[in-house]
C-alpha atoms as a PDB file:
ATOM      1  CA  THR A   1      36.490  13.362  38.335  1.00  0.00           C
ATOM      2  CA  ALA A   2      36.036  17.088  38.905  1.00  0.00           C
ATOM      3  CA  GLU A   3      35.939  16.469  42.666  1.00  0.00           C
ATOM      4  CA  GLY A   4      39.165  14.478  42.546  1.00  0.00           C
ATOM      5  CA  ILE A   5      37.356  11.184  43.180  1.00  0.00           C
ATOM      6  CA  THR A   6      38.312   8.056  41.257  1.00  0.00           C
ATOM      7  CA  ARG A   7      35.210   6.237  40.008  1.00  0.00           C
ATOM      8  CA  VAL A   8      35.482   2.595  38.940  1.00  0.00           C
ATOM      9  CA  VAL A   9      32.899   1.218  36.514  1.00  0.00           C
ATOM     10  CA  PRO A  10      32.853  -2.600  36.816  1.00  0.00           C
ATOM     11  CA  ILE A  11      32.335  -4.577  33.614  1.00  0.00           C
ATOM     12  CA  ALA A  12      32.569  -8.278  32.853  1.00  0.00           C
ATOM     13  CA  PRO A  13      35.948  -9.478  31.499  1.00  0.00           C
ATOM     14  CA  SER A  14      35.775  -8.941  27.750  1.00  0.00           C
ATOM     15  CA  ILE A  15      37.698  -7.597  24.786  1.00  0.00           C
ATOM     16  CA  LEU A  16      36.261  -4.390  23.332  1.00  0.00           C
ATOM     17  CA  LEU A  17      36.290  -4.552  19.529  1.00  0.00           C
ATOM     18  CA  SER A  18      34.509  -1.408  18.352  1.00  0.00           C
ATOM     19  CA  TYR A  19      32.952   1.848  19.441  1.00  0.00           C
ATOM     20  CA  CYS A  20      31.253   4.911  17.974  1.00  0.00           C
ATOM     21  CA  PRO A  21      29.922   8.223  19.320  1.00  0.00           C
ATOM     22  CA  VAL A  22      26.177   8.719  19.637  1.00  0.00           C
ATOM     23  CA  MET A  23      25.257  12.083  18.142  1.00  0.00           C
ATOM     24  CA  GLU A  24      21.804  13.239  17.128  1.00  0.00           C
ATOM     25  CA  ASN A  25      21.362  15.903  14.449  1.00  0.00           C
ATOM     26  CA  ASP A  26      18.129  17.300  15.885  1.00  0.00           C
ATOM     27  CA  GLY A  27      19.840  20.146  17.801  1.00  0.00           C
ATOM     28  CA  ASN A  28      18.865  18.763  21.234  1.00  0.00           C
ATOM     29  CA  ALA A  29      22.359  17.594  22.189  1.00  0.00           C
ATOM     30  CA  THR A  30      23.593  18.680  25.607  1.00  0.00           C
ATOM     31  CA  PRO A  31      27.260  19.735  25.882  1.00  0.00           C
ATOM     32  CA  ASN A  32      27.749  18.139  29.307  1.00  0.00           C
ATOM     33  CA  VAL A  33      26.769  14.599  28.176  1.00  0.00           C
ATOM     34  CA  LEU A  34      28.799  12.367  25.858  1.00  0.00           C
ATOM     35  CA  ARG A  35      27.546   8.952  24.795  1.00  0.00           C
ATOM     36  CA  PHE A  36      29.416   6.115  23.117  1.00  0.00           C
ATOM     37  CA  LEU A  37      28.319   2.702  21.901  1.00  0.00           C
ATOM     38  CA  VAL A  38      30.837  -0.042  22.677  1.00  0.00           C
ATOM     39  CA  GLY A  39      30.870  -3.588  21.307  1.00  0.00           C
ATOM     40  CA  ASP A  40      32.786  -6.548  22.735  1.00  0.00           C
ATOM     41  CA  GLU A  41      33.852  -9.950  21.404  1.00  0.00           C
ATOM     42  CA  LYS A  42      30.806 -11.641  22.950  1.00  0.00           C
ATOM     43  CA  GLY A  43      28.472  -9.577  20.784  1.00  0.00           C
ATOM     44  CA  LYS A  44      27.161  -7.399  23.596  1.00  0.00           C
ATOM     45  CA  ILE A  45      26.572  -3.713  22.887  1.00  0.00           C
ATOM     46  CA  HIS A  46      27.056  -1.288  25.765  1.00  0.00           C
ATOM     47  CA  LEU A  47      26.263   2.389  26.228  1.00  0.00           C
ATOM     48  CA  LEU A  48      28.964   4.473  27.912  1.00  0.00           C
ATOM     49  CA  THR A  49      27.680   7.816  29.221  1.00  0.00           C
ATOM     50  CA  VAL A  50      30.178  10.496  30.260  1.00  0.00           C
ATOM     51  CA  LEU A  51      28.960  13.485  32.280  1.00  0.00           C
ATOM     52  CA  ARG A  52      31.150  16.585  32.251  1.00  0.00           C
ATOM     53  CA  ASN A  53      31.276  19.756  34.287  1.00  0.00           C
ATOM     54  CA  ILE A  54      29.733  22.007  31.628  1.00  0.00           C
ATOM     55  CA  THR A  55      26.627  24.156  31.994  1.00  0.00           C
ATOM     56  CA  PRO A  56      23.966  24.312  29.252  1.00  0.00           C
ATOM     57  CA  GLU A  57      25.405  27.726  28.318  1.00  0.00           C
ATOM     58  CA  GLY A  58      28.807  26.140  27.656  1.00  0.00           C
ATOM     59  CA  ASN A  59      30.555  27.333  30.790  1.00  0.00           C
ATOM     60  CA  GLY A  60      32.703  25.079  32.970  1.00  0.00           C
ATOM     61  CA  ASP A  61      36.079  23.386  32.938  1.00  0.00           C
ATOM     62  CA  GLY A  62      34.868  20.277  31.084  1.00  0.00           C
ATOM     63  CA  ARG A  63      36.132  17.789  33.650  1.00  0.00           C
ATOM     64  CA  VAL A  64      34.463  14.389  33.822  1.00  0.00           C
ATOM     65  CA  THR A  65      32.154  14.081  36.840  1.00  0.00           C
ATOM     66  CA  THR A  66      30.341  10.751  36.326  1.00  0.00           C
ATOM     67  CA  LEU A  67      30.565   7.597  34.212  1.00  0.00           C
ATOM     68  CA  HIS A  68      27.721   5.192  33.439  1.00  0.00           C
ATOM     69  CA  PHE A  69      28.188   1.865  31.655  1.00  0.00           C
ATOM     70  CA  ASP A  70      24.953   0.110  30.661  1.00  0.00           C
ATOM     71  CA  THR A  71      24.486  -3.075  28.622  1.00  0.00           C
ATOM     72  CA  LEU A  72      21.839  -2.729  25.922  1.00  0.00           C
ATOM     73  CA  GLY A  73      21.757  -6.269  24.561  1.00  0.00           C
ATOM     74  CA  SER A  74      23.412  -8.745  22.228  1.00  0.00           C
ATOM     75  CA  ALA A  75      24.008  -8.686  18.476  1.00  0.00           C
ATOM     76  CA  SER A  76      26.680 -10.052  16.168  1.00  0.00           C
ATOM     77  CA  ALA A  77      30.255  -9.597  17.366  1.00  0.00           C
ATOM     78  CA  SER A  78      30.925  -6.150  15.914  1.00  0.00           C
ATOM     79  CA  SER A  79      33.989  -5.126  13.963  1.00  0.00           C
ATOM     80  CA  ALA A  80      32.494  -1.660  13.412  1.00  0.00           C
ATOM     81  CA  LEU A  81      29.607   0.322  14.878  1.00  0.00           C
ATOM     82  CA  VAL A  82      27.941   3.247  13.106  1.00  0.00           C
ATOM     83  CA  TYR A  83      25.166   5.273  14.753  1.00  0.00           C
ATOM     84  CA  LEU A  84      22.713   6.333  12.023  1.00  0.00           C
ATOM     85  CA  GLY A  85      20.426   8.496  14.161  1.00  0.00           C
ATOM     86  CA  ARG A  86      16.956   7.987  15.656  1.00  0.00           C
ATOM     87  CA  GLY A  87      18.151   5.007  17.639  1.00  0.00           C
ATOM     88  CA  ARG A  88      19.342   2.988  14.639  1.00  0.00           C
ATOM     89  CA  VAL A  89      22.779   1.373  14.658  1.00  0.00           C
ATOM     90  CA  PHE A  90      24.601  -0.529  11.927  1.00  0.00           C
ATOM     91  CA  VAL A  91      26.583  -3.447  13.340  1.00  0.00           C
ATOM     92  CA  GLY A  92      29.289  -4.464  10.873  1.00  0.00           C
ATOM     93  CA  SER A  93      30.743  -7.882  11.634  1.00  0.00           C
ATOM     94  CA  GLN A  94      33.640  -9.903  10.256  1.00  0.00           C
ATOM     95  CA  PHE A  95      32.643 -12.861  12.431  1.00  0.00           C
ATOM     96  CA  GLY A  96      28.992 -13.307  11.411  1.00  0.00           C
ATOM     97  CA  ASP A  97      26.062 -11.566   9.746  1.00  0.00           C
ATOM     98  CA  SER A  98      26.034  -7.761   9.828  1.00  0.00           C
ATOM     99  CA  GLN A  99      22.884  -6.259  11.304  1.00  0.00           C
ATOM    100  CA  LEU A 100      20.792  -3.109  11.451  1.00  0.00           C
ATOM    101  CA  VAL A 101      19.411  -2.755  14.978  1.00  0.00           C
ATOM    102  CA  LYS A 102      17.211  -0.257  16.777  1.00  0.00           C
ATOM    103  CA  ILE A 103      17.710   0.881  20.368  1.00  0.00           C
ATOM    104  CA  LEU A 104      14.437   0.629  22.286  1.00  0.00           C
ATOM    105  CA  GLU A 105      13.352   2.948  25.077  1.00  0.00           C
ATOM    106  CA  THR A 106      12.090   0.085  27.237  1.00  0.00           C
ATOM    107  CA  PRO A 107      13.483  -3.456  27.501  1.00  0.00           C
ATOM    108  CA  VAL A 108      11.729  -6.425  25.915  1.00  0.00           C
ATOM    109  CA  PRO A 109      12.171 -10.145  26.643  1.00  0.00           C
ATOM    110  CA  VAL A 110      14.782 -11.926  24.574  1.00  0.00           C
ATOM    111  CA  SER A 111      13.054 -14.090  21.966  1.00  0.00           C
ATOM    112  CA  GLY A 112      13.712 -17.783  22.549  1.00  0.00           C
ATOM    113  CA  GLY A 113      15.578 -17.073  25.763  1.00  0.00           C
ATOM    114  CA  GLY A 114      13.137 -18.748  28.144  1.00  0.00           C
ATOM    115  CA  ASN A 115      13.010 -18.157  31.882  1.00  0.00           C
ATOM    116  CA  ASP A 116      16.330 -19.553  33.054  1.00  0.00           C
ATOM    117  CA  GLU A 117      16.945 -18.795  36.717  1.00  0.00           C
ATOM    118  CA  LYS A 118      20.706 -18.951  36.151  1.00  0.00           C
ATOM    119  CA  LYS A 119      20.531 -16.086  33.655  1.00  0.00           C
ATOM    120  CA  SER A 120      20.664 -12.498  34.862  1.00  0.00           C
ATOM    121  CA  ALA A 121      18.046  -9.890  34.069  1.00  0.00           C
ATOM    122  CA  LEU A 122      20.380  -8.450  31.408  1.00  0.00           C
ATOM    123  CA  ASP A 123      20.481 -11.800  29.601  1.00  0.00           C
ATOM    124  CA  GLN A 124      16.702 -12.238  29.705  1.00  0.00           C
ATOM    125  CA  ASN A 125      15.863  -8.724  28.466  1.00  0.00           C
ATOM    126  CA  THR A 126      17.253  -6.532  25.734  1.00  0.00           C
ATOM    127  CA  TYR A 127      17.048  -2.957  24.525  1.00  0.00           C
ATOM    128  CA  LEU A 128      17.911  -3.982  20.957  1.00  0.00           C
ATOM    129  CA  ARG A 129      15.615  -5.054  18.128  1.00  0.00           C
ATOM    130  CA  ILE A 130      17.061  -6.448  14.909  1.00  0.00           C
ATOM    131  CA  LEU A 131      15.584  -4.710  11.866  1.00  0.00           C
ATOM    132  CA  GLU A 132      17.638  -6.329   9.089  1.00  0.00           C
ATOM    133  CA  GLU A 133      20.408  -8.874   8.698  1.00  0.00           C
ATOM    134  CA  TYR A 134      23.016  -9.002   5.933  1.00  0.00           C
ATOM    135  CA  THR A 135      24.371 -12.458   5.165  1.00  0.00           C
ATOM    136  CA  ASN A 136      28.097 -13.015   5.583  1.00  0.00           C
ATOM    137  CA  LEU A 137      29.530 -16.461   4.781  1.00  0.00           C
ATOM    138  CA  GLY A 138      32.977 -15.578   6.077  1.00  0.00           C
ATOM    139  CA  PRO A 139      35.100 -16.487   7.752  1.00  0.00           C
ATOM    140  CA  ILE A 140      34.710 -20.026   6.406  1.00  0.00           C
ATOM    141  CA  VAL A 141      36.587 -22.297   8.812  1.00  0.00           C
ATOM    142  CA  ASP A 142      35.898 -25.504   6.873  1.00  0.00           C
ATOM    143  CA  PHE A 143      33.675 -26.748   4.054  1.00  0.00           C
ATOM    144  CA  ASP A 144      32.642 -29.901   2.245  1.00  0.00           C
ATOM    145  CA  LEU A 145      31.339 -30.406  -1.297  1.00  0.00           C
ATOM    146  CA  ARG A 146      28.329 -32.684  -1.687  1.00  0.00           C
ATOM    147  CA  PRO A 147      26.628 -33.537  -5.007  1.00  0.00           C
ATOM    148  CA  CYS A 148      22.855 -33.667  -4.814  1.00  0.00           C
ATOM    149  CA  ILE A 149      19.768 -33.928  -7.002  1.00  0.00           C
ATOM    150  CA  ASN A 150      16.718 -31.907  -6.093  1.00  0.00           C
ATOM    151  CA  SER A 151      13.165 -33.163  -5.914  1.00  0.00           C
ATOM    152  CA  ALA A 152      12.301 -31.758  -9.340  1.00  0.00           C
ATOM    153  CA  SER A 153      14.738 -34.220 -10.873  1.00  0.00           C
ATOM    154  CA  SER A 154      13.119 -37.212  -9.162  1.00  0.00           C
ATOM    155  CA  ASP A 155       9.649 -36.041 -10.247  1.00  0.00           C
ATOM    156  CA  SER A 156      10.738 -35.688 -13.847  1.00  0.00           C
ATOM    157  CA  ALA A 157      12.434 -39.097 -13.617  1.00  0.00           C
ATOM    158  CA  SER A 158       9.219 -40.808 -12.596  1.00  0.00           C
ATOM    159  CA  ARG A 159       7.267 -39.096 -15.376  1.00  0.00           C
ATOM    160  CA  GLY A 160      10.012 -40.042 -17.860  1.00  0.00           C
ATOM    161  CA  LYS A 161       9.739 -43.714 -16.987  1.00  0.00           C
ATOM    162  CA  VAL A 162       5.995 -43.674 -17.457  1.00  0.00           C
ATOM    163  CA  HIS A 163       6.171 -42.104 -20.914  1.00  0.00           C
ATOM    164  CA  GLY A 164       9.325 -43.932 -21.948  1.00  0.00           C
ATOM    165  CA  GLU A 165      11.337 -40.742 -22.412  1.00  0.00           C
ATOM    166  CA  VAL A 166      14.671 -42.246 -21.426  1.00  0.00           C
ATOM    167  CA  GLY A 167      16.787 -39.688 -23.310  1.00  0.00           C
ATOM    168  CA  GLU A 168      14.932 -36.723 -21.832  1.00  0.00           C
ATOM    169  CA  LEU A 169      15.275 -38.283 -18.394  1.00  0.00           C
ATOM    170  CA  GLY A 170      19.071 -38.304 -18.535  1.00  0.00           C
ATOM    171  CA  LYS A 171      19.132 -34.731 -19.777  1.00  0.00           C
ATOM    172  CA  ALA A 172      16.823 -33.592 -16.979  1.00  0.00           C
ATOM    173  CA  ARG A 173      19.067 -35.250 -14.390  1.00  0.00           C
ATOM    174  CA  ASP A 174      22.113 -33.402 -15.697  1.00  0.00           C
ATOM    175  CA  GLN A 175      20.256 -30.091 -15.659  1.00  0.00           C
ATOM    176  CA  HIS A 176      18.955 -30.508 -12.120  1.00  0.00           C
ATOM    177  CA  ARG A 177      22.147 -31.897 -10.618  1.00  0.00           C
ATOM    178  CA  GLN A 178      23.636 -29.392  -8.206  1.00  0.00           C
ATOM    179  CA  SER A 179      26.720 -29.113  -6.065  1.00  0.00           C
ATOM    180  CA  LEU A 180      25.887 -28.432  -2.425  1.00  0.00           C
ATOM    181  CA  VAL A 181      28.590 -26.728  -0.389  1.00  0.00           C
ATOM    182  CA  VAL A 182      28.326 -27.192   3.372  1.00  0.00           C
ATOM    183  CA  THR A 183      30.336 -24.477   5.154  1.00  0.00           C
ATOM    184  CA  ALA A 184      31.339 -23.979   8.759  1.00  0.00           C
ATOM    185  CA  SER A 185      31.052 -20.193   8.934  1.00  0.00           C
ATOM    186  CA  GLY A 186      31.501 -17.607  11.632  1.00  0.00           C
ATOM    187  CA  VAL A 187      33.441 -17.412  14.876  1.00  0.00           C
ATOM    188  CA  ALA A 188      32.499 -18.227  18.484  1.00  0.00           C
ATOM    189  CA  LYS A 189      28.836 -17.466  19.218  1.00  0.00           C
ATOM    190  CA  ASP A 190      28.230 -16.432  15.590  1.00  0.00           C
ATOM    191  CA  GLY A 191      29.352 -19.829  14.266  1.00  0.00           C
ATOM    192  CA  THR A 192      26.846 -21.462  11.907  1.00  0.00           C
ATOM    193  CA  VAL A 193      26.580 -24.238   9.342  1.00  0.00           C
ATOM    194  CA  ARG A 194      25.528 -22.850   5.956  1.00  0.00           C
ATOM    195  CA  LEU A 195      24.300 -24.611   2.823  1.00  0.00           C
ATOM    196  CA  VAL A 196      25.309 -22.949  -0.443  1.00  0.00           C
ATOM    197  CA  ARG A 197      24.021 -24.030  -3.852  1.00  0.00           C
ATOM    198  CA  ASN A 198      25.390 -22.942  -7.204  1.00  0.00           C
ATOM    199  CA  GLY A 199      27.942 -20.596  -5.664  1.00  0.00           C
ATOM    200  CA  VAL A 200      27.363 -17.205  -4.085  1.00  0.00           C
ATOM    201  CA  GLY A 201      24.298 -15.312  -5.274  1.00  0.00           C
ATOM    202  CA  MET A 202      24.542 -11.763  -6.616  1.00  0.00           C
ATOM    203  CA  ARG A 203      21.741  -9.217  -6.970  1.00  0.00           C
ATOM    204  CA  GLU A 204      21.883  -6.987 -10.042  1.00  0.00           C
ATOM    205  CA  HIS A 205      20.284  -3.548  -9.653  1.00  0.00           C
ATOM    206  CA  ALA A 206      21.124  -2.117 -13.093  1.00  0.00           C
ATOM    207  CA  ALA A 207      23.038  -3.035 -16.237  1.00  0.00           C
ATOM    208  CA  VAL A 208      24.393  -0.795 -19.021  1.00  0.00           C
ATOM    209  CA  ASP A 209      26.075  -2.172 -22.140  1.00  0.00           C
ATOM    210  CA  MET A 210      29.454  -0.505 -22.719  1.00  0.00           C
ATOM    211  CA  THR A 211      31.576  -2.119 -25.398  1.00  0.00           C
ATOM    212  CA  GLY A 212      35.338  -1.846 -24.975  1.00  0.00           C
ATOM    213  CA  ILE A 213      35.417  -0.275 -21.498  1.00  0.00           C
ATOM    214  CA  LYS A 214      38.736  -0.888 -19.726  1.00  0.00           C
ATOM    215  CA  GLY A 215      38.529   1.090 -16.499  1.00  0.00           C
ATOM    216  CA  MET A 216      36.426   3.514 -14.452  1.00  0.00           C
ATOM    217  CA  TRP A 217      37.105   5.800 -11.473  1.00  0.00           C
ATOM    218  CA  GLY A 218      35.831   8.979  -9.789  1.00  0.00           C
ATOM    219  CA  LEU A 219      37.387  12.435  -9.569  1.00  0.00           C
ATOM    220  CA  ARG A 220      36.733  15.379  -7.254  1.00  0.00           C
ATOM    221  CA  ARG A 221      36.167  18.875  -8.611  1.00  0.00           C
ATOM    222  CA  LYS A 222      38.713  20.189  -6.112  1.00  0.00           C
ATOM    223  CA  PHE A 223      41.187  18.340  -3.948  1.00  0.00           C
ATOM    224  CA  SER A 224      39.593  19.734  -0.784  1.00  0.00           C
ATOM    225  CA  HIS A 225      36.120  18.397  -1.686  1.00  0.00           C
ATOM    226  CA  ASP A 226      34.863  15.252   0.008  1.00  0.00           C
ATOM    227  CA  ASP A 227      32.600  13.982  -2.785  1.00  0.00           C
ATOM    228  CA  ASP A 228      33.427  13.031  -6.364  1.00  0.00           C
ATOM    229  CA  ALA A 229      32.008  15.223  -9.127  1.00  0.00           C
ATOM    230  CA  PHE A 230      33.197  13.395 -12.256  1.00  0.00           C
ATOM    231  CA  LEU A 231      33.170   9.819 -13.465  1.00  0.00           C
ATOM    232  CA  VAL A 232      36.023   8.927 -15.829  1.00  0.00           C
ATOM    233  CA  GLN A 233      35.447   6.034 -18.238  1.00  0.00           C
ATOM    234  CA  SER A 234      38.382   4.646 -20.176  1.00  0.00           C
ATOM    235  CA  PHE A 235      37.619   2.868 -23.453  1.00  0.00           C
ATOM    236  CA  VAL A 236      39.861   1.277 -26.052  1.00  0.00           C
ATOM    237  CA  THR A 237      39.470   4.191 -28.471  1.00  0.00           C
ATOM    238  CA  GLU A 238      38.481   7.110 -26.218  1.00  0.00           C
ATOM    239  CA  THR A 239      38.152   8.459 -22.683  1.00  0.00           C
ATOM    240  CA  ARG A 240      34.865   9.914 -21.434  1.00  0.00           C
ATOM    241  CA  ILE A 241      34.359  12.242 -18.470  1.00  0.00           C
ATOM    242  CA  LEU A 242      30.833  12.378 -17.054  1.00  0.00           C
ATOM    243  CA  GLY A 243      29.856  15.175 -14.668  1.00  0.00           C
ATOM    244  CA  VAL A 244      27.456  14.853 -11.741  1.00  0.00           C
ATOM    245  CA  GLN A 245      24.762  17.548 -11.795  1.00  0.00           C
ATOM    246  CA  ASN A 246      22.664  18.704  -8.906  1.00  0.00           C
ATOM    247  CA  ALA A 247      18.926  19.327  -9.263  1.00  0.00           C
ATOM    248  CA  LYS A 248      19.329  23.124  -9.631  1.00  0.00           C
ATOM    249  CA  ASP A 249      21.786  22.865 -12.535  1.00  0.00           C
ATOM    250  CA  ALA A 250      19.612  20.258 -14.221  1.00  0.00           C
ATOM    251  CA  ASP A 251      16.560  22.597 -14.072  1.00  0.00           C
ATOM    252  CA  VAL A 252      18.594  25.482 -15.540  1.00  0.00           C
ATOM    253  CA  ASP A 253      19.854  23.300 -18.391  1.00  0.00           C
ATOM    254  CA  ALA A 254      16.331  22.082 -19.082  1.00  0.00           C
ATOM    255  CA  MET A 255      15.011  25.701 -19.248  1.00  0.00           C
ATOM    256  CA  GLU A 256      17.842  26.722 -21.566  1.00  0.00           C
ATOM    257  CA  LYS A 257      17.178  23.786 -23.877  1.00  0.00           C
ATOM    258  CA  GLU A 258      13.466  24.578 -23.900  1.00  0.00           C
ATOM    259  CA  GLY A 259      14.209  28.214 -24.773  1.00  0.00           C
ATOM    260  CA  ASP A 260      16.497  27.167 -27.612  1.00  0.00           C
ATOM    261  CA  THR A 261      13.788  24.922 -29.013  1.00  0.00           C
ATOM    262  CA  GLU A 262      11.233  27.751 -28.984  1.00  0.00           C
ATOM    263  CA  ASP A 263      13.673  30.092 -30.713  1.00  0.00           C
ATOM    264  CA  ASP A 264      14.335  27.516 -33.441  1.00  0.00           C
ATOM    265  CA  SER A 265      10.635  26.999 -34.029  1.00  0.00           C
ATOM    266  CA  GLU A 266       9.885  30.712 -34.688  1.00  0.00           C
ATOM    267  CA  PRO A 267       9.326  31.460 -38.393  1.00  0.00           C
ATOM    268  CA  GLU A 268      11.849  33.674 -40.105  1.00  0.00           C
ATOM    269  CA  GLY A 269      10.737  37.196 -40.995  1.00  0.00           C
ATOM    270  CA  GLY A 270      10.511  38.461 -44.529  1.00  0.00           C
END
């Protein structure tokens, strides 16, 4: 530290898997305090606070004076942590479901934890609240394929026997027969048994018919730019380049097109 004192911060034996800086964009950051979120293999998320010898005016040698290591709570074992601001953290996990969590100002009891005297206060309370979870089937350690028929098939079978529709009954059974995949997913504390029917589901947000498209990629306006400005579409007979417009350019183009329309509608003199 700045005083030449070695400070030891005790933590439980664990393997640290991920970390990220905690930075707010509200302009209230203090130069003498650095905060980092740290995740370990047990799924615990810690807050490391580093105090430096810097005044609010920016003066000082910047030496570390104090370290604080606080445990906030448990989530999925994190492969990546991203602080999104306003106390929200994205926990990306390769070992279980990814999560969006919020850091609370005051601790709350852990749901379903019970009052176990053997557990410490850190295990019974948490500063984290899970806002959303994103399903991750991997890693799949083992799986088994089981054929099954749902209840709709048995209902239709009973109705088919009553009305003598034997042919329709067999067709209904084939349509309702499903393959049930039982997977052993996750690692360690994030291990679960999942049931998957008809493969992995996909959610479609938009669809555009493009006949003959072979490839598509983005291009930047300049090499030094961070964002792409053009979308290149390669077809069998042609190549199209689509530009990304901002709102200001779109308004200017709309005004120009409106002016051209008014000019075309004016009657000719004579």
